[in-house]
Amino acid sequence: MSSQRVAKVESLIQQSVAAELSRILERDAAAVTVTRVDCAPDLRNATVWIGLLGAPAAQDRLWGRIEGILGVLQAAVGAKFRMKYAPRINVKRDTGGEYAAEIDRLLRGL
């Protein structure tokens, strides 16, 4: 598979998942960011990295909602592609923003 094709599929998955999350989560959509997508070279599987903003309790509540609509997100991705197989998506929390905030807090404390 060409790396350009994989990059294009990753971009389309990111756009369709972000749009579907925005549509479903409505008010809470501002606290959710699809940070990146990693596709397998054979395009059978894709990992969607999602960053969450807000208090930890609110993040946990949002993550539960996102895991609950995984089938809807998969259907949105499947509708976007005209390939033999639509990539099967898995979602993972991207904690990079939280990590950066913690490092910043530690550096300010020096």
PDB file of N, CA and C in Angstrom:
ATOM      1  N   MET A   1       0.845  -1.179   0.000  1.00  0.00           N
ATOM      2  CA  MET A   1       0.000   0.000   0.000  1.00  0.00           C
ATOM      3  C   MET A   1       0.888   1.239   0.000  1.00  0.00           C
ATOM      4  N   SER A   2       0.491   2.217  -0.743  1.00  0.00           N
ATOM      5  CA  SER A   2       1.290   3.434  -0.757  1.00  0.00           C
ATOM      6  C   SER A   2       1.036   4.242   0.510  1.00  0.00           C
ATOM      7  N   SER A   3       2.069   4.928   0.945  1.00  0.00           N
ATOM      8  CA  SER A   3       1.925   5.722   2.159  1.00  0.00           C
ATOM      9  C   SER A   3       0.978   6.905   1.925  1.00  0.00           C
ATOM     10  N   GLN A   4       0.870   7.370   0.677  1.00  0.00           N
ATOM     11  CA  GLN A   4      -0.067   8.450   0.365  1.00  0.00           C
ATOM     12  C   GLN A   4      -1.510   7.977   0.545  1.00  0.00           C
ATOM     13  N   ARG A   5      -1.785   6.742   0.159  1.00  0.00           N
ATOM     14  CA  ARG A   5      -3.136   6.215   0.306  1.00  0.00           C
ATOM     15  C   ARG A   5      -3.483   6.046   1.783  1.00  0.00           C
ATOM     16  N   VAL A   6      -2.540   5.533   2.566  1.00  0.00           N
ATOM     17  CA  VAL A   6      -2.766   5.374   4.001  1.00  0.00           C
ATOM     18  C   VAL A   6      -3.018   6.740   4.642  1.00  0.00           C
ATOM     19  N   ALA A   7      -2.220   7.739   4.271  1.00  0.00           N
ATOM     20  CA  ALA A   7      -2.389   9.089   4.825  1.00  0.00           C
ATOM     21  C   ALA A   7      -3.751   9.667   4.449  1.00  0.00           C
ATOM     22  N   LYS A   8      -4.209   9.425   3.243  1.00  0.00           N
ATOM     23  CA  LYS A   8      -5.514   9.915   2.797  1.00  0.00           C
ATOM     24  C   LYS A   8      -6.638   9.238   3.582  1.00  0.00           C
ATOM     25  N   VAL A   9      -6.529   7.928   3.776  1.00  0.00           N
ATOM     26  CA  VAL A   9      -7.541   7.204   4.543  1.00  0.00           C
ATOM     27  C   VAL A   9      -7.554   7.699   5.988  1.00  0.00           C
ATOM     28  N   GLU A  10      -6.385   7.911   6.580  1.00  0.00           N
ATOM     29  CA  GLU A  10      -6.308   8.436   7.943  1.00  0.00           C
ATOM     30  C   GLU A  10      -6.988   9.792   8.054  1.00  0.00           C
ATOM     31  N   SER A  11      -6.753  10.647   7.078  1.00  0.00           N
ATOM     32  CA  SER A  11      -7.368  11.974   7.076  1.00  0.00           C
ATOM     33  C   SER A  11      -8.893  11.888   6.965  1.00  0.00           C
ATOM     34  N   LEU A  12      -9.384  11.017   6.093  1.00  0.00           N
ATOM     35  CA  LEU A  12     -10.833  10.861   5.931  1.00  0.00           C
ATOM     36  C   LEU A  12     -11.483  10.283   7.190  1.00  0.00           C
ATOM     37  N   ILE A  13     -10.800   9.347   7.835  1.00  0.00           N
ATOM     38  CA  ILE A  13     -11.333   8.786   9.081  1.00  0.00           C
ATOM     39  C   ILE A  13     -11.392   9.868  10.148  1.00  0.00           C
ATOM     40  N   GLN A  14     -10.325  10.663  10.255  1.00  0.00           N
ATOM     41  CA  GLN A  14     -10.287  11.734  11.262  1.00  0.00           C
ATOM     42  C   GLN A  14     -11.429  12.714  11.043  1.00  0.00           C
ATOM     43  N   GLN A  15     -11.653  13.107   9.800  1.00  0.00           N
ATOM     44  CA  GLN A  15     -12.724  14.053   9.491  1.00  0.00           C
ATOM     45  C   GLN A  15     -14.099  13.469   9.784  1.00  0.00           C
ATOM     46  N   SER A  16     -14.331  12.228   9.387  1.00  0.00           N
ATOM     47  CA  SER A  16     -15.665  11.652   9.576  1.00  0.00           C
ATOM     48  C   SER A  16     -15.951  11.369  11.051  1.00  0.00           C
ATOM     49  N   VAL A  17     -14.956  10.907  11.811  1.00  0.00           N
ATOM     50  CA  VAL A  17     -15.171  10.666  13.244  1.00  0.00           C
ATOM     51  C   VAL A  17     -15.397  11.989  13.969  1.00  0.00           C
ATOM     52  N   ALA A  18     -14.610  13.013  13.635  1.00  0.00           N
ATOM     53  CA  ALA A  18     -14.781  14.323  14.281  1.00  0.00           C
ATOM     54  C   ALA A  18     -16.166  14.900  13.987  1.00  0.00           C
ATOM     55  N   ALA A  19     -16.609  14.791  12.749  1.00  0.00           N
ATOM     56  CA  ALA A  19     -17.933  15.314  12.389  1.00  0.00           C
ATOM     57  C   ALA A  19     -19.039  14.549  13.115  1.00  0.00           C
ATOM     58  N   GLU A  20     -18.908  13.245  13.198  1.00  0.00           N
ATOM     59  CA  GLU A  20     -19.931  12.430  13.863  1.00  0.00           C
ATOM     60  C   GLU A  20     -19.950  12.708  15.367  1.00  0.00           C
ATOM     61  N   LEU A  21     -18.781  12.846  15.988  1.00  0.00           N
ATOM     62  CA  LEU A  21     -18.729  13.181  17.414  1.00  0.00           C
ATOM     63  C   LEU A  21     -19.367  14.540  17.668  1.00  0.00           C
ATOM     64  N   SER A  22     -19.084  15.494  16.799  1.00  0.00           N
ATOM     65  CA  SER A  22     -19.667  16.828  16.941  1.00  0.00           C
ATOM     66  C   SER A  22     -21.188  16.777  16.840  1.00  0.00           C
ATOM     67  N   ARG A  23     -21.687  15.975  15.925  1.00  0.00           N
ATOM     68  CA  ARG A  23     -23.130  15.850  15.729  1.00  0.00           C
ATOM     69  C   ARG A  23     -23.796  15.175  16.917  1.00  0.00           C
ATOM     70  N   ILE A  24     -23.197  14.126  17.429  1.00  0.00           N
ATOM     71  CA  ILE A  24     -23.820  13.346  18.497  1.00  0.00           C
ATOM     72  C   ILE A  24     -23.660  14.015  19.861  1.00  0.00           C
ATOM     73  N   LEU A  25     -22.472  14.537  20.147  1.00  0.00           N
ATOM     74  CA  LEU A  25     -22.209  15.073  21.479  1.00  0.00           C
ATOM     75  C   LEU A  25     -22.751  16.483  21.688  1.00  0.00           C
ATOM     76  N   GLU A  26     -23.077  17.182  20.622  1.00  0.00           N
ATOM     77  CA  GLU A  26     -23.649  18.532  20.644  1.00  0.00           C
ATOM     78  C   GLU A  26     -22.909  19.468  21.603  1.00  0.00           C
ATOM     79  N   ARG A  27     -23.471  19.751  22.777  1.00  0.00           N
ATOM     80  CA  ARG A  27     -22.870  20.720  23.712  1.00  0.00           C
ATOM     81  C   ARG A  27     -21.480  20.300  24.179  1.00  0.00           C
ATOM     82  N   ASP A  28     -21.276  19.005  24.365  1.00  0.00           N
ATOM     83  CA  ASP A  28     -19.994  18.513  24.866  1.00  0.00           C
ATOM     84  C   ASP A  28     -18.937  18.384  23.778  1.00  0.00           C
ATOM     85  N   ALA A  29     -19.280  18.645  22.535  1.00  0.00           N
ATOM     86  CA  ALA A  29     -18.349  18.455  21.429  1.00  0.00           C
ATOM     87  C   ALA A  29     -17.116  19.354  21.535  1.00  0.00           C
ATOM     88  N   ALA A  30     -17.250  20.511  22.183  1.00  0.00           N
ATOM     89  CA  ALA A  30     -16.110  21.418  22.322  1.00  0.00           C
ATOM     90  C   ALA A  30     -15.020  20.834  23.210  1.00  0.00           C
ATOM     91  N   ALA A  31     -15.344  19.834  24.022  1.00  0.00           N
ATOM     92  CA  ALA A  31     -14.374  19.228  24.924  1.00  0.00           C
ATOM     93  C   ALA A  31     -13.702  17.997  24.323  1.00  0.00           C
ATOM     94  N   VAL A  32     -13.990  17.709  23.056  1.00  0.00           N
ATOM     95  CA  VAL A  32     -13.461  16.510  22.409  1.00  0.00           C
ATOM     96  C   VAL A  32     -12.678  16.892  21.159  1.00  0.00           C
ATOM     97  N   THR A  33     -11.485  16.294  21.026  1.00  0.00           N
ATOM     98  CA  THR A  33     -10.648  16.542  19.853  1.00  0.00           C
ATOM     99  C   THR A  33     -10.130  15.216  19.309  1.00  0.00           C
ATOM    100  N   VAL A  34     -10.295  14.999  18.022  1.00  0.00           N
ATOM    101  CA  VAL A  34      -9.691  13.833  17.385  1.00  0.00           C
ATOM    102  C   VAL A  34      -8.283  14.263  16.991  1.00  0.00           C
ATOM    103  N   THR A  35      -7.288  13.807  17.760  1.00  0.00           N
ATOM    104  CA  THR A  35      -5.929  14.313  17.586  1.00  0.00           C
ATOM    105  C   THR A  35      -5.193  13.670  16.425  1.00  0.00           C
ATOM    106  N   ARG A  36      -5.383  12.370  16.232  1.00  0.00           N
ATOM    107  CA  ARG A  36      -4.731  11.710  15.097  1.00  0.00           C
ATOM    108  C   ARG A  36      -5.364  10.353  14.852  1.00  0.00           C
ATOM    109  N   VAL A  37      -5.032   9.779  13.709  1.00  0.00           N
ATOM    110  CA  VAL A  37      -5.497   8.440  13.350  1.00  0.00           C
ATOM    111  C   VAL A  37      -4.291   7.667  12.830  1.00  0.00           C
ATOM    112  N   ASP A  38      -4.133   6.456  13.305  1.00  0.00           N
ATOM    113  CA  ASP A  38      -3.071   5.569  12.832  1.00  0.00           C
ATOM    114  C   ASP A  38      -3.705   4.359  12.173  1.00  0.00           C
ATOM    115  N   CYS A  39      -3.476   4.206  10.866  1.00  0.00           N
ATOM    116  CA  CYS A  39      -4.012   3.065  10.123  1.00  0.00           C
ATOM    117  C   CYS A  39      -2.940   1.999   9.950  1.00  0.00           C
ATOM    118  N   ALA A  40      -3.379   0.749   9.940  1.00  0.00           N
ATOM    119  CA  ALA A  40      -2.483  -0.346   9.608  1.00  0.00           C
ATOM    120  C   ALA A  40      -2.159  -0.245   8.109  1.00  0.00           C
ATOM    121  N   PRO A  41      -0.997  -0.723   7.699  1.00  0.00           N
ATOM    122  CA  PRO A  41      -0.634  -0.635   6.269  1.00  0.00           C
ATOM    123  C   PRO A  41      -1.638  -1.312   5.337  1.00  0.00           C
ATOM    124  N   ASP A  42      -2.337  -2.361   5.807  1.00  0.00           N
ATOM    125  CA  ASP A  42      -3.326  -3.032   4.961  1.00  0.00           C
ATOM    126  C   ASP A  42      -4.709  -2.370   5.020  1.00  0.00           C
ATOM    127  N   LEU A  43      -4.831  -1.290   5.783  1.00  0.00           N
ATOM    128  CA  LEU A  43      -6.060  -0.498   5.923  1.00  0.00           C
ATOM    129  C   LEU A  43      -7.224  -1.280   6.531  1.00  0.00           C
ATOM    130  N   ARG A  44      -6.943  -2.350   7.235  1.00  0.00           N
ATOM    131  CA  ARG A  44      -8.010  -3.125   7.869  1.00  0.00           C
ATOM    132  C   ARG A  44      -8.387  -2.557   9.232  1.00  0.00           C
ATOM    133  N   ASN A  45      -7.426  -1.965   9.943  1.00  0.00           N
ATOM    134  CA  ASN A  45      -7.654  -1.440  11.289  1.00  0.00           C
ATOM    135  C   ASN A  45      -7.128  -0.024  11.392  1.00  0.00           C
ATOM    136  N   ALA A  46      -7.791   0.769  12.218  1.00  0.00           N
ATOM    137  CA  ALA A  46      -7.352   2.145  12.455  1.00  0.00           C
ATOM    138  C   ALA A  46      -7.563   2.472  13.928  1.00  0.00           C
ATOM    139  N   THR A  47      -6.578   3.129  14.517  1.00  0.00           N
ATOM    140  CA  THR A  47      -6.695   3.605  15.886  1.00  0.00           C
ATOM    141  C   THR A  47      -6.956   5.098  15.838  1.00  0.00           C
ATOM    142  N   VAL A  48      -8.056   5.516  16.452  1.00  0.00           N
ATOM    143  CA  VAL A  48      -8.446   6.925  16.501  1.00  0.00           C
ATOM    144  C   VAL A  48      -8.097   7.439  17.896  1.00  0.00           C
ATOM    145  N   TRP A  49      -7.212   8.421  17.965  1.00  0.00           N
ATOM    146  CA  TRP A  49      -6.777   9.003  19.227  1.00  0.00           C
ATOM    147  C   TRP A  49      -7.646  10.218  19.529  1.00  0.00           C
ATOM    148  N   ILE A  50      -8.261  10.215  20.721  1.00  0.00           N
ATOM    149  CA  ILE A  50      -9.193  11.269  21.098  1.00  0.00           C
ATOM    150  C   ILE A  50      -8.714  11.935  22.382  1.00  0.00           C
ATOM    151  N   GLY A  51      -8.567  13.264  22.321  1.00  0.00           N
ATOM    152  CA  GLY A  51      -8.201  14.049  23.491  1.00  0.00           C
ATOM    153  C   GLY A  51      -9.444  14.674  24.104  1.00  0.00           C
ATOM    154  N   LEU A  52      -9.468  14.734  25.431  1.00  0.00           N
ATOM    155  CA  LEU A  52     -10.614  15.291  26.147  1.00  0.00           C
ATOM    156  C   LEU A  52     -10.166  16.449  27.021  1.00  0.00           C
ATOM    157  N   LEU A  53     -11.022  17.454  27.118  1.00  0.00           N
ATOM    158  CA  LEU A  53     -10.758  18.616  27.963  1.00  0.00           C
ATOM    159  C   LEU A  53     -11.738  18.620  29.124  1.00  0.00           C
ATOM    160  N   GLY A  54     -11.366  19.334  30.178  1.00  0.00           N
ATOM    161  CA  GLY A  54     -12.271  19.493  31.311  1.00  0.00           C
ATOM    162  C   GLY A  54     -11.810  18.746  32.538  1.00  0.00           C
ATOM    163  N   ALA A  55     -12.658  18.761  33.547  1.00  0.00           N
ATOM    164  CA  ALA A  55     -12.372  18.092  34.811  1.00  0.00           C
ATOM    165  C   ALA A  55     -12.337  16.571  34.601  1.00  0.00           C
ATOM    166  N   PRO A  56     -11.568  15.865  35.429  1.00  0.00           N
ATOM    167  CA  PRO A  56     -11.468  14.416  35.261  1.00  0.00           C
ATOM    168  C   PRO A  56     -12.819  13.691  35.276  1.00  0.00           C
ATOM    169  N   ALA A  57     -13.731  14.106  36.126  1.00  0.00           N
ATOM    170  CA  ALA A  57     -15.048  13.455  36.173  1.00  0.00           C
ATOM    171  C   ALA A  57     -15.803  13.668  34.862  1.00  0.00           C
ATOM    172  N   ALA A  58     -15.717  14.882  34.320  1.00  0.00           N
ATOM    173  CA  ALA A  58     -16.378  15.170  33.042  1.00  0.00           C
ATOM    174  C   ALA A  58     -15.726  14.389  31.904  1.00  0.00           C
ATOM    175  N   GLN A  59     -14.404  14.254  31.956  1.00  0.00           N
ATOM    176  CA  GLN A  59     -13.703  13.481  30.933  1.00  0.00           C
ATOM    177  C   GLN A  59     -14.131  12.012  30.971  1.00  0.00           C
ATOM    178  N   ASP A  60     -14.240  11.453  32.171  1.00  0.00           N
ATOM    179  CA  ASP A  60     -14.655  10.057  32.297  1.00  0.00           C
ATOM    180  C   ASP A  60     -16.080   9.859  31.774  1.00  0.00           C
ATOM    181  N   ARG A  61     -16.958  10.807  32.055  1.00  0.00           N
ATOM    182  CA  ARG A  61     -18.335  10.728  31.566  1.00  0.00           C
ATOM    183  C   ARG A  61     -18.362  10.782  30.034  1.00  0.00           C
ATOM    184  N   LEU A  62     -17.575  11.703  29.458  1.00  0.00           N
ATOM    185  CA  LEU A  62     -17.511  11.818  27.997  1.00  0.00           C
ATOM    186  C   LEU A  62     -16.929  10.559  27.374  1.00  0.00           C
ATOM    187  N   TRP A  63     -15.893  10.020  27.985  1.00  0.00           N
ATOM    188  CA  TRP A  63     -15.262   8.822  27.434  1.00  0.00           C
ATOM    189  C   TRP A  63     -16.257   7.660  27.420  1.00  0.00           C
ATOM    190  N   GLY A  64     -17.063   7.562  28.455  1.00  0.00           N
ATOM    191  CA  GLY A  64     -18.101   6.538  28.485  1.00  0.00           C
ATOM    192  C   GLY A  64     -19.098   6.694  27.349  1.00  0.00           C
ATOM    193  N   ARG A  65     -19.473   7.928  27.069  1.00  0.00           N
ATOM    194  CA  ARG A  65     -20.385   8.193  25.940  1.00  0.00           C
ATOM    195  C   ARG A  65     -19.737   7.823  24.616  1.00  0.00           C
ATOM    196  N   ILE A  66     -18.447   8.164  24.470  1.00  0.00           N
ATOM    197  CA  ILE A  66     -17.745   7.862  23.216  1.00  0.00           C
ATOM    198  C   ILE A  66     -17.651   6.353  23.011  1.00  0.00           C
ATOM    199  N   GLU A  67     -17.315   5.619  24.057  1.00  0.00           N
ATOM    200  CA  GLU A  67     -17.249   4.159  23.933  1.00  0.00           C
ATOM    201  C   GLU A  67     -18.625   3.576  23.619  1.00  0.00           C
ATOM    202  N   GLY A  68     -19.678   4.221  24.104  1.00  0.00           N
ATOM    203  CA  GLY A  68     -21.036   3.755  23.855  1.00  0.00           C
ATOM    204  C   GLY A  68     -21.500   3.953  22.414  1.00  0.00           C
ATOM    205  N   ILE A  69     -20.900   4.888  21.716  1.00  0.00           N
ATOM    206  CA  ILE A  69     -21.311   5.166  20.326  1.00  0.00           C
ATOM    207  C   ILE A  69     -20.281   4.671  19.315  1.00  0.00           C
ATOM    208  N   LEU A  70     -19.433   3.747  19.722  1.00  0.00           N
ATOM    209  CA  LEU A  70     -18.402   3.229  18.823  1.00  0.00           C
ATOM    210  C   LEU A  70     -18.996   2.624  17.555  1.00  0.00           C
ATOM    211  N   GLY A  71     -20.126   1.947  17.687  1.00  0.00           N
ATOM    212  CA  GLY A  71     -20.793   1.370  16.515  1.00  0.00           C
ATOM    213  C   GLY A  71     -21.269   2.436  15.533  1.00  0.00           C
ATOM    214  N   VAL A  72     -21.758   3.543  16.066  1.00  0.00           N
ATOM    215  CA  VAL A  72     -22.206   4.652  15.223  1.00  0.00           C
ATOM    216  C   VAL A  72     -21.014   5.271  14.492  1.00  0.00           C
ATOM    217  N   LEU A  73     -19.898   5.409  15.207  1.00  0.00           N
ATOM    218  CA  LEU A  73     -18.685   5.951  14.583  1.00  0.00           C
ATOM    219  C   LEU A  73     -18.185   5.019  13.486  1.00  0.00           C
ATOM    220  N   GLN A  74     -18.238   3.710  13.732  1.00  0.00           N
ATOM    221  CA  GLN A  74     -17.816   2.733  12.725  1.00  0.00           C
ATOM    222  C   GLN A  74     -18.708   2.823  11.487  1.00  0.00           C
ATOM    223  N   ALA A  75     -20.005   2.996  11.691  1.00  0.00           N
ATOM    224  CA  ALA A  75     -20.931   3.117  10.566  1.00  0.00           C
ATOM    225  C   ALA A  75     -20.651   4.377   9.753  1.00  0.00           C
ATOM    226  N   ALA A  76     -20.307   5.472  10.440  1.00  0.00           N
ATOM    227  CA  ALA A  76     -19.986   6.717   9.738  1.00  0.00           C
ATOM    228  C   ALA A  76     -18.724   6.552   8.890  1.00  0.00           C
ATOM    229  N   VAL A  77     -17.750   5.848   9.425  1.00  0.00           N
ATOM    230  CA  VAL A  77     -16.524   5.590   8.663  1.00  0.00           C
ATOM    231  C   VAL A  77     -16.827   4.675   7.482  1.00  0.00           C
ATOM    232  N   GLY A  78     -17.625   3.643   7.712  1.00  0.00           N
ATOM    233  CA  GLY A  78     -17.974   2.716   6.633  1.00  0.00           C
ATOM    234  C   GLY A  78     -18.724   3.385   5.495  1.00  0.00           C
ATOM    235  N   ALA A  79     -19.558   4.363   5.820  1.00  0.00           N
ATOM    236  CA  ALA A  79     -20.317   5.073   4.790  1.00  0.00           C
ATOM    237  C   ALA A  79     -19.431   5.989   3.946  1.00  0.00           C
ATOM    238  N   LYS A  80     -18.283   6.365   4.486  1.00  0.00           N
ATOM    239  CA  LYS A  80     -17.392   7.309   3.810  1.00  0.00           C
ATOM    240  C   LYS A  80     -16.530   6.644   2.726  1.00  0.00           C
ATOM    241  N   PHE A  81     -16.335   5.326   2.821  1.00  0.00           N
ATOM    242  CA  PHE A  81     -15.384   4.640   1.947  1.00  0.00           C
ATOM    243  C   PHE A  81     -16.057   3.772   0.915  1.00  0.00           C
ATOM    244  N   ARG A  82     -15.413   3.693  -0.232  1.00  0.00           N
ATOM    245  CA  ARG A  82     -15.864   2.818  -1.303  1.00  0.00           C
ATOM    246  C   ARG A  82     -14.758   1.795  -1.572  1.00  0.00           C
ATOM    247  N   MET A  83     -14.381   1.108  -0.500  1.00  0.00           N
ATOM    248  CA  MET A  83     -13.352   0.085  -0.594  1.00  0.00           C
ATOM    249  C   MET A  83     -13.998  -1.255  -0.252  1.00  0.00           C
ATOM    250  N   LYS A  84     -13.281  -2.324  -0.515  1.00  0.00           N
ATOM    251  CA  LYS A  84     -13.810  -3.647  -0.194  1.00  0.00           C
ATOM    252  C   LYS A  84     -14.109  -3.761   1.295  1.00  0.00           C
ATOM    253  N   TYR A  85     -13.206  -3.247   2.118  1.00  0.00           N
ATOM    254  CA  TYR A  85     -13.379  -3.256   3.563  1.00  0.00           C
ATOM    255  C   TYR A  85     -13.164  -1.855   4.100  1.00  0.00           C
ATOM    256  N   ALA A  86     -14.058  -1.411   4.938  1.00  0.00           N
ATOM    257  CA  ALA A  86     -13.828  -0.154   5.664  1.00  0.00           C
ATOM    258  C   ALA A  86     -12.945  -0.491   6.854  1.00  0.00           C
ATOM    259  N   PRO A  87     -11.997   0.364   7.183  1.00  0.00           N
ATOM    260  CA  PRO A  87     -11.135   0.068   8.335  1.00  0.00           C
ATOM    261  C   PRO A  87     -11.962  -0.068   9.622  1.00  0.00           C
ATOM    262  N   ARG A  88     -11.618  -1.040  10.426  1.00  0.00           N
ATOM    263  CA  ARG A  88     -12.260  -1.226  11.732  1.00  0.00           C
ATOM    264  C   ARG A  88     -11.581  -0.268  12.699  1.00  0.00           C
ATOM    265  N   ILE A  89     -12.376   0.576  13.354  1.00  0.00           N
ATOM    266  CA  ILE A  89     -11.778   1.593  14.212  1.00  0.00           C
ATOM    267  C   ILE A  89     -11.776   1.163  15.680  1.00  0.00           C
ATOM    268  N   ASN A  90     -10.719   1.578  16.331  1.00  0.00           N
ATOM    269  CA  ASN A  90     -10.569   1.440  17.779  1.00  0.00           C
ATOM    270  C   ASN A  90     -10.289   2.842  18.294  1.00  0.00           C
ATOM    271  N   VAL A  91     -10.831   3.179  19.443  1.00  0.00           N
ATOM    272  CA  VAL A  91     -10.575   4.499  20.011  1.00  0.00           C
ATOM    273  C   VAL A  91      -9.669   4.365  21.227  1.00  0.00           C
ATOM    274  N   LYS A  92      -8.760   5.321  21.360  1.00  0.00           N
ATOM    275  CA  LYS A  92      -7.878   5.395  22.522  1.00  0.00           C
ATOM    276  C   LYS A  92      -7.816   6.834  22.980  1.00  0.00           C
ATOM    277  N   ARG A  93      -7.671   7.014  24.285  1.00  0.00           N
ATOM    278  CA  ARG A  93      -7.559   8.362  24.847  1.00  0.00           C
ATOM    279  C   ARG A  93      -6.158   8.892  24.612  1.00  0.00           C
ATOM    280  N   ASP A  94      -6.100  10.122  24.129  1.00  0.00           N
ATOM    281  CA  ASP A  94      -4.826  10.809  23.944  1.00  0.00           C
ATOM    282  C   ASP A  94      -4.616  11.696  25.168  1.00  0.00           C
ATOM    283  N   THR A  95      -3.674  11.328  25.999  1.00  0.00           N
ATOM    284  CA  THR A  95      -3.410  12.072  27.232  1.00  0.00           C
ATOM    285  C   THR A  95      -2.229  13.020  27.073  1.00  0.00           C
ATOM    286  N   GLY A  96      -1.824  13.287  25.865  1.00  0.00           N
ATOM    287  CA  GLY A  96      -0.686  14.175  25.613  1.00  0.00           C
ATOM    288  C   GLY A  96      -0.898  15.572  26.165  1.00  0.00           C
ATOM    289  N   GLY A  97      -2.102  16.109  26.053  1.00  0.00           N
ATOM    290  CA  GLY A  97      -2.396  17.444  26.567  1.00  0.00           C
ATOM    291  C   GLY A  97      -2.310  17.495  28.081  1.00  0.00           C
ATOM    292  N   GLU A  98      -2.822  16.464  28.724  1.00  0.00           N
ATOM    293  CA  GLU A  98      -2.744  16.393  30.186  1.00  0.00           C
ATOM    294  C   GLU A  98      -1.290  16.277  30.641  1.00  0.00           C
ATOM    295  N   TYR A  99      -0.512  15.481  29.921  1.00  0.00           N
ATOM    296  CA  TYR A  99       0.900  15.308  30.244  1.00  0.00           C
ATOM    297  C   TYR A  99       1.650  16.629  30.097  1.00  0.00           C
ATOM    298  N   ALA A 100       1.380  17.351  29.010  1.00  0.00           N
ATOM    299  CA  ALA A 100       2.030  18.648  28.781  1.00  0.00           C
ATOM    300  C   ALA A 100       1.657  19.654  29.867  1.00  0.00           C
ATOM    301  N   ALA A 101       0.399  19.655  30.289  1.00  0.00           N
ATOM    302  CA  ALA A 101      -0.039  20.563  31.350  1.00  0.00           C
ATOM    303  C   ALA A 101       0.655  20.233  32.669  1.00  0.00           C
ATOM    304  N   GLU A 102       0.841  18.957  32.944  1.00  0.00           N
ATOM    305  CA  GLU A 102       1.524  18.550  34.176  1.00  0.00           C
ATOM    306  C   GLU A 102       3.002  18.954  34.151  1.00  0.00           C
ATOM    307  N   ILE A 103       3.654  18.783  33.021  1.00  0.00           N
ATOM    308  CA  ILE A 103       5.053  19.196  32.878  1.00  0.00           C
ATOM    309  C   ILE A 103       5.168  20.703  33.043  1.00  0.00           C
ATOM    310  N   ASP A 104       4.247  21.447  32.441  1.00  0.00           N
ATOM    311  CA  ASP A 104       4.244  22.910  32.569  1.00  0.00           C
ATOM    312  C   ASP A 104       4.069  23.317  34.030  1.00  0.00           C
ATOM    313  N   ARG A 105       3.154  22.645  34.724  1.00  0.00           N
ATOM    314  CA  ARG A 105       2.932  22.958  36.134  1.00  0.00           C
ATOM    315  C   ARG A 105       4.192  22.689  36.960  1.00  0.00           C
ATOM    316  N   LEU A 106       4.866  21.585  36.670  1.00  0.00           N
ATOM    317  CA  LEU A 106       6.090  21.252  37.389  1.00  0.00           C
ATOM    318  C   LEU A 106       7.202  22.252  37.107  1.00  0.00           C
ATOM    319  N   LEU A 107       7.333  22.676  35.863  1.00  0.00           N
ATOM    320  CA  LEU A 107       8.367  23.638  35.501  1.00  0.00           C
ATOM    321  C   LEU A 107       8.115  25.007  36.148  1.00  0.00           C
ATOM    322  N   ARG A 108       6.864  25.386  36.231  1.00  0.00           N
ATOM    323  CA  ARG A 108       6.533  26.673  36.878  1.00  0.00           C
ATOM    324  C   ARG A 108       6.817  26.634  38.376  1.00  0.00           C
ATOM    325  N   GLY A 109       6.810  25.436  38.955  1.00  0.00           N
ATOM    326  CA  GLY A 109       7.067  25.290  40.373  1.00  0.00           C
ATOM    327  C   GLY A 109       8.552  25.344  40.736  1.00  0.00           C
ATOM    328  N   LEU A 110       9.420  25.322  39.738  1.00  0.00           N
ATOM    329  CA  LEU A 110      10.870  25.348  40.017  1.00  0.00           C
ATOM    330  C   LEU A 110      11.356  26.711  40.420  1.00  0.00           C
TER     331      LEU A 110
END
